[in-house]
Amino acid sequence: MDTTDLIQILANAARPVRVLRPPLFRAGGWLLIALAIVILLAVEHGLRSDIADQLRNPSFVVGIMASFLTGALSALSCLMAGLPDRSRFWLLLPLPSLAVWMATLGYGCLTDWVSYEAGSLRMGAAVQCFATVLLVSLPLSISIFVMLRHAARLRPTLVMLVAGLAVAGMTSTAMSLLYRLDATVMNLIWNLGAAVLIAVIEAIVGRRVLVRMADLNSPVFSPWRTG
């Protein structure tokens, strides 16, 4: 195959370049999706019964703001780092708010799970907590997958790890608004464990999904395929 034939094959396989929207715009769209999900859950489930008292509690306010900022900044940072002309140091953007969030995590939600009644373990509110995690994290994960589908070749594991942190931050924000979280070490483990689990799953599964989506969006070139 000579150079002319190679150029012709490449030209035939070429597709129009679609310019991505700015990362800030896409992050804003993702935040709107997250807010819509939280509002729908609040309408259906109702806010926690002591929300008025908690809003006067500095620890609660700082904690929920930190988890929300972690989600928002993580979404922006992974969208930034997914571009070839942006530094990987964008991935460090959510670290300050993440540190505050980890320091102010309330513990609860599993206190009912570990209580015994008639000699048996009852699930209690933990079932609703897991359902909330799924209802919030699944649509947010799918939407951020779609937004990051062109970043498959650019640091996919790190980008998806931070994307998972974005989903975890928004999930924790929803949990804090909907459920009373008591001060127990077990619920601290629950919140931290859920955040880590979501981030790790998205880093592992998301990398494969992104690569697969990139392969589907890219023409497969083979110098021996001319038809």
Protein backbone atom coordinates (compact mmCIF):
# COMPACT_ATOMS: atom_id res chain seq x y z
CA MET A 1 0.00 0.00 0.00
CA ASP A 2 1.47 3.35 -1.03
CA THR A 3 1.05 6.68 0.71
CA THR A 4 -1.70 7.85 -1.64
CA ASP A 5 -3.87 4.82 -0.88
CA LEU A 6 -3.27 5.25 2.84
CA ILE A 7 -4.31 8.91 2.71
CA GLN A 8 -7.43 7.98 0.72
CA ILE A 9 -8.46 5.34 3.28
CA LEU A 10 -7.97 7.79 6.14
CA ALA A 11 -9.98 10.43 4.29
CA ASN A 12 -12.83 7.99 3.65
CA ALA A 13 -12.94 6.99 7.33
CA ALA A 14 -12.81 10.57 8.61
CA ARG A 15 -15.76 11.96 10.51
CA PRO A 16 -16.66 15.57 11.27
CA VAL A 17 -15.09 16.80 14.49
CA ARG A 18 -17.63 17.62 17.17
CA VAL A 19 -16.47 20.35 19.52
CA LEU A 20 -17.13 19.53 23.17
CA ARG A 21 -18.93 22.04 25.32
CA PRO A 22 -16.73 23.75 27.92
CA PRO A 23 -16.10 21.65 31.06
CA LEU A 24 -17.71 24.29 33.27
CA PHE A 25 -20.89 24.12 31.19
CA ARG A 26 -21.00 20.31 31.31
CA ALA A 27 -20.29 20.29 35.06
CA GLY A 28 -23.15 22.74 35.54
CA GLY A 29 -25.47 20.45 33.59
CA TRP A 30 -24.44 17.50 35.73
CA LEU A 31 -25.10 19.51 38.90
CA LEU A 32 -28.58 20.35 37.64
CA ILE A 33 -29.24 16.63 37.19
CA ALA A 34 -28.01 15.98 40.74
CA LEU A 35 -30.17 18.75 42.19
CA ALA A 36 -33.22 17.48 40.30
CA ILE A 37 -32.71 13.98 41.72
CA VAL A 38 -32.34 15.29 45.27
CA ILE A 39 -35.45 17.47 44.92
CA LEU A 40 -37.51 14.56 43.59
CA LEU A 41 -36.37 12.34 46.46
CA ALA A 42 -37.14 15.09 48.97
CA VAL A 43 -40.66 15.47 47.55
CA GLU A 44 -41.25 11.71 47.59
CA HIS A 45 -39.49 10.81 50.85
CA GLY A 46 -39.54 14.11 52.72
CA LEU A 47 -36.64 15.81 54.42
CA ARG A 48 -35.36 14.53 57.74
CA SER A 49 -37.62 15.46 60.62
CA ASP A 50 -35.00 17.54 62.42
CA ILE A 51 -33.81 19.49 59.37
CA ALA A 52 -34.72 22.86 60.92
CA ASP A 53 -32.61 22.14 64.00
CA GLN A 54 -29.75 20.75 61.93
CA LEU A 55 -29.59 23.86 59.76
CA ARG A 56 -28.72 25.75 62.95
CA ASN A 57 -25.97 23.25 63.71
CA PRO A 58 -22.63 24.54 62.36
CA SER A 59 -21.18 21.03 62.13
CA PHE A 60 -24.06 19.81 59.96
CA VAL A 61 -23.99 22.87 57.70
CA VAL A 62 -20.22 22.67 57.19
CA GLY A 63 -20.39 18.93 56.56
CA ILE A 64 -23.18 19.09 53.99
CA MET A 65 -21.55 22.04 52.23
CA ALA A 66 -18.26 20.14 52.13
CA SER A 67 -19.86 17.03 50.61
CA PHE A 68 -21.71 19.13 48.03
CA LEU A 69 -18.56 21.07 47.11
CA THR A 70 -16.63 17.82 46.87
CA GLY A 71 -19.18 16.51 44.39
CA ALA A 72 -19.26 19.72 42.36
CA LEU A 73 -15.49 20.27 42.28
CA SER A 74 -14.84 16.61 41.51
CA ALA A 75 -17.19 16.76 38.53
CA LEU A 76 -15.44 19.87 37.22
CA SER A 77 -11.96 18.49 37.84
CA CYS A 78 -12.54 15.16 36.05
CA LEU A 79 -14.09 16.96 33.07
CA MET A 80 -11.10 19.30 32.96
CA ALA A 81 -8.55 16.51 33.30
CA GLY A 82 -10.28 14.57 30.53
CA LEU A 83 -9.15 17.15 27.97
CA PRO A 84 -5.74 16.71 26.32
CA ASP A 85 -4.72 20.34 26.81
CA ARG A 86 -5.46 20.44 30.55
CA SER A 87 -3.13 19.48 33.36
CA ARG A 88 -3.69 16.40 35.48
CA PHE A 89 -3.33 18.68 38.50
CA TRP A 90 -6.98 19.58 37.98
CA LEU A 91 -7.67 16.25 39.68
CA LEU A 92 -6.41 17.78 42.94
CA LEU A 93 -9.12 20.46 42.93
CA PRO A 94 -11.58 18.66 45.28
CA LEU A 95 -8.97 17.66 47.89
CA PRO A 96 -9.54 20.59 50.32
CA SER A 97 -13.31 20.13 50.44
CA LEU A 98 -12.82 16.36 50.62
CA ALA A 99 -10.64 16.79 53.71
CA VAL A 100 -13.33 18.92 55.37
CA TRP A 101 -16.02 16.42 54.41
CA MET A 102 -14.10 13.49 55.86
CA ALA A 103 -13.51 15.46 59.07
CA THR A 104 -17.18 16.34 59.54
CA LEU A 105 -18.87 13.13 58.44
CA GLY A 106 -21.81 12.40 60.68
CA TYR A 107 -22.26 8.83 61.72
CA GLY A 108 -25.61 7.13 61.82
CA CYS A 109 -27.99 5.35 59.48
CA LEU A 110 -26.62 1.92 60.45
CA THR A 111 -27.48 2.21 64.15
CA ASP A 112 -30.87 0.68 63.42
CA TRP A 113 -29.22 -1.98 61.27
CA VAL A 114 -27.10 -3.31 64.12
CA SER A 115 -29.84 -3.28 66.74
CA TYR A 116 -31.14 -6.67 67.78
CA GLU A 117 -34.76 -7.56 68.26
CA ALA A 118 -35.89 -10.97 69.52
CA GLY A 119 -32.38 -12.28 69.05
CA SER A 120 -32.20 -11.49 65.35
CA LEU A 121 -30.62 -8.76 63.26
CA ARG A 122 -33.09 -6.36 61.67
CA MET A 123 -32.29 -4.19 58.70
CA GLY A 124 -34.38 -1.15 59.59
CA ALA A 125 -33.48 2.14 57.96
CA ALA A 126 -30.39 0.72 56.28
CA VAL A 127 -32.57 -0.72 53.50
CA GLN A 128 -33.86 2.74 52.67
CA CYS A 129 -30.33 4.09 52.82
CA PHE A 130 -29.08 1.57 50.27
CA ALA A 131 -32.07 2.31 48.04
CA THR A 132 -31.27 6.02 48.21
CA VAL A 133 -27.65 5.35 47.33
CA LEU A 134 -28.77 3.46 44.21
CA LEU A 135 -31.39 6.01 43.21
CA VAL A 136 -28.87 8.85 43.41
CA SER A 137 -25.66 7.20 42.26
CA LEU A 138 -26.90 5.24 39.22
CA PRO A 139 -28.30 8.14 37.14
CA LEU A 140 -25.41 10.39 38.15
CA SER A 141 -22.90 7.71 37.17
CA ILE A 142 -24.54 7.16 33.79
CA SER A 143 -24.69 10.88 33.05
CA ILE A 144 -21.06 11.50 33.94
CA PHE A 145 -20.05 8.44 31.88
CA VAL A 146 -21.69 10.06 28.87
CA MET A 147 -19.96 13.38 29.51
CA LEU A 148 -16.58 11.67 29.87
CA ARG A 149 -16.88 9.27 26.95
CA HIS A 150 -14.24 11.13 24.93
CA ALA A 151 -11.72 10.97 27.80
CA ALA A 152 -11.16 7.21 27.54
CA ARG A 153 -7.62 7.57 26.21
CA LEU A 154 -6.64 10.23 28.74
CA ARG A 155 -5.93 8.97 32.27
CA PRO A 156 -9.17 6.93 32.40
CA THR A 157 -8.57 5.36 35.82
CA LEU A 158 -7.76 8.63 37.61
CA VAL A 159 -10.51 10.52 35.82
CA MET A 160 -13.12 7.91 36.70
CA LEU A 161 -11.89 7.69 40.30
CA VAL A 162 -12.55 11.41 40.71
CA ALA A 163 -15.86 11.03 38.84
CA GLY A 164 -16.82 8.41 41.40
CA LEU A 165 -15.91 10.88 44.14
CA ALA A 166 -18.28 13.38 42.53
CA VAL A 167 -21.12 10.85 42.66
CA ALA A 168 -20.22 9.91 46.24
CA GLY A 169 -20.28 13.55 47.34
CA MET A 170 -23.74 14.14 45.91
CA THR A 171 -25.00 10.85 47.33
CA SER A 172 -23.80 11.79 50.80
CA THR A 173 -25.45 15.20 50.47
CA ALA A 174 -28.77 13.56 49.65
CA MET A 175 -28.40 11.11 52.54
CA SER A 176 -27.71 13.91 55.01
CA LEU A 177 -30.80 15.82 53.89
CA LEU A 178 -33.14 12.83 53.91
CA TYR A 179 -32.07 10.73 56.90
CA ARG A 180 -31.26 11.36 60.53
CA LEU A 181 -27.65 10.36 61.00
CA ASP A 182 -26.83 9.52 64.59
CA ALA A 183 -23.37 9.87 66.12
CA THR A 184 -22.11 6.32 65.87
CA VAL A 185 -18.79 5.07 64.64
CA MET A 186 -20.54 2.44 62.53
CA ASN A 187 -22.31 5.06 60.46
CA LEU A 188 -19.03 6.90 59.96
CA ILE A 189 -17.76 3.66 58.47
CA TRP A 190 -20.95 3.42 56.39
CA ASN A 191 -20.57 6.91 54.90
CA LEU A 192 -16.85 6.58 54.29
CA GLY A 193 -17.27 3.04 52.98
CA ALA A 194 -20.03 4.06 50.58
CA ALA A 195 -17.93 6.92 49.22
CA VAL A 196 -14.88 4.72 48.71
CA LEU A 197 -16.96 1.92 47.19
CA ILE A 198 -18.64 4.19 44.66
CA ALA A 199 -15.33 5.79 43.66
CA VAL A 200 -13.52 2.46 43.27
CA ILE A 201 -16.36 0.82 41.31
CA GLU A 202 -16.52 3.75 38.91
CA ALA A 203 -12.73 3.74 38.51
CA ILE A 204 -12.71 0.03 37.60
CA VAL A 205 -15.95 -0.37 35.70
CA GLY A 206 -15.99 3.16 34.32
CA ARG A 207 -12.59 2.76 32.69
CA ARG A 208 -13.82 -0.21 30.68
CA VAL A 209 -17.07 1.53 29.79
CA LEU A 210 -15.24 4.64 28.62
CA VAL A 211 -12.82 2.69 26.48
CA ARG A 212 -15.68 0.72 24.95
CA MET A 213 -17.65 3.91 24.25
CA ALA A 214 -14.58 5.50 22.67
CA ASP A 215 -14.12 2.46 20.43
CA LEU A 216 -17.75 2.71 19.30
CA ASN A 217 -17.39 6.42 18.59
CA SER A 218 -14.15 6.01 16.62
CA PRO A 219 -13.92 4.51 13.14
CA VAL A 220 -11.96 1.28 13.11
CA PHE A 221 -9.08 1.66 10.71
CA SER A 222 -7.39 -1.24 9.05
CA PRO A 223 -5.07 -0.74 6.06
CA TRP A 224 -6.36 -4.00 4.60
CA ARG A 225 -10.03 -2.93 4.69
CA THR A 226 -10.76 -0.82 1.65
CA GLY A 227 -14.44 -1.58 1.18
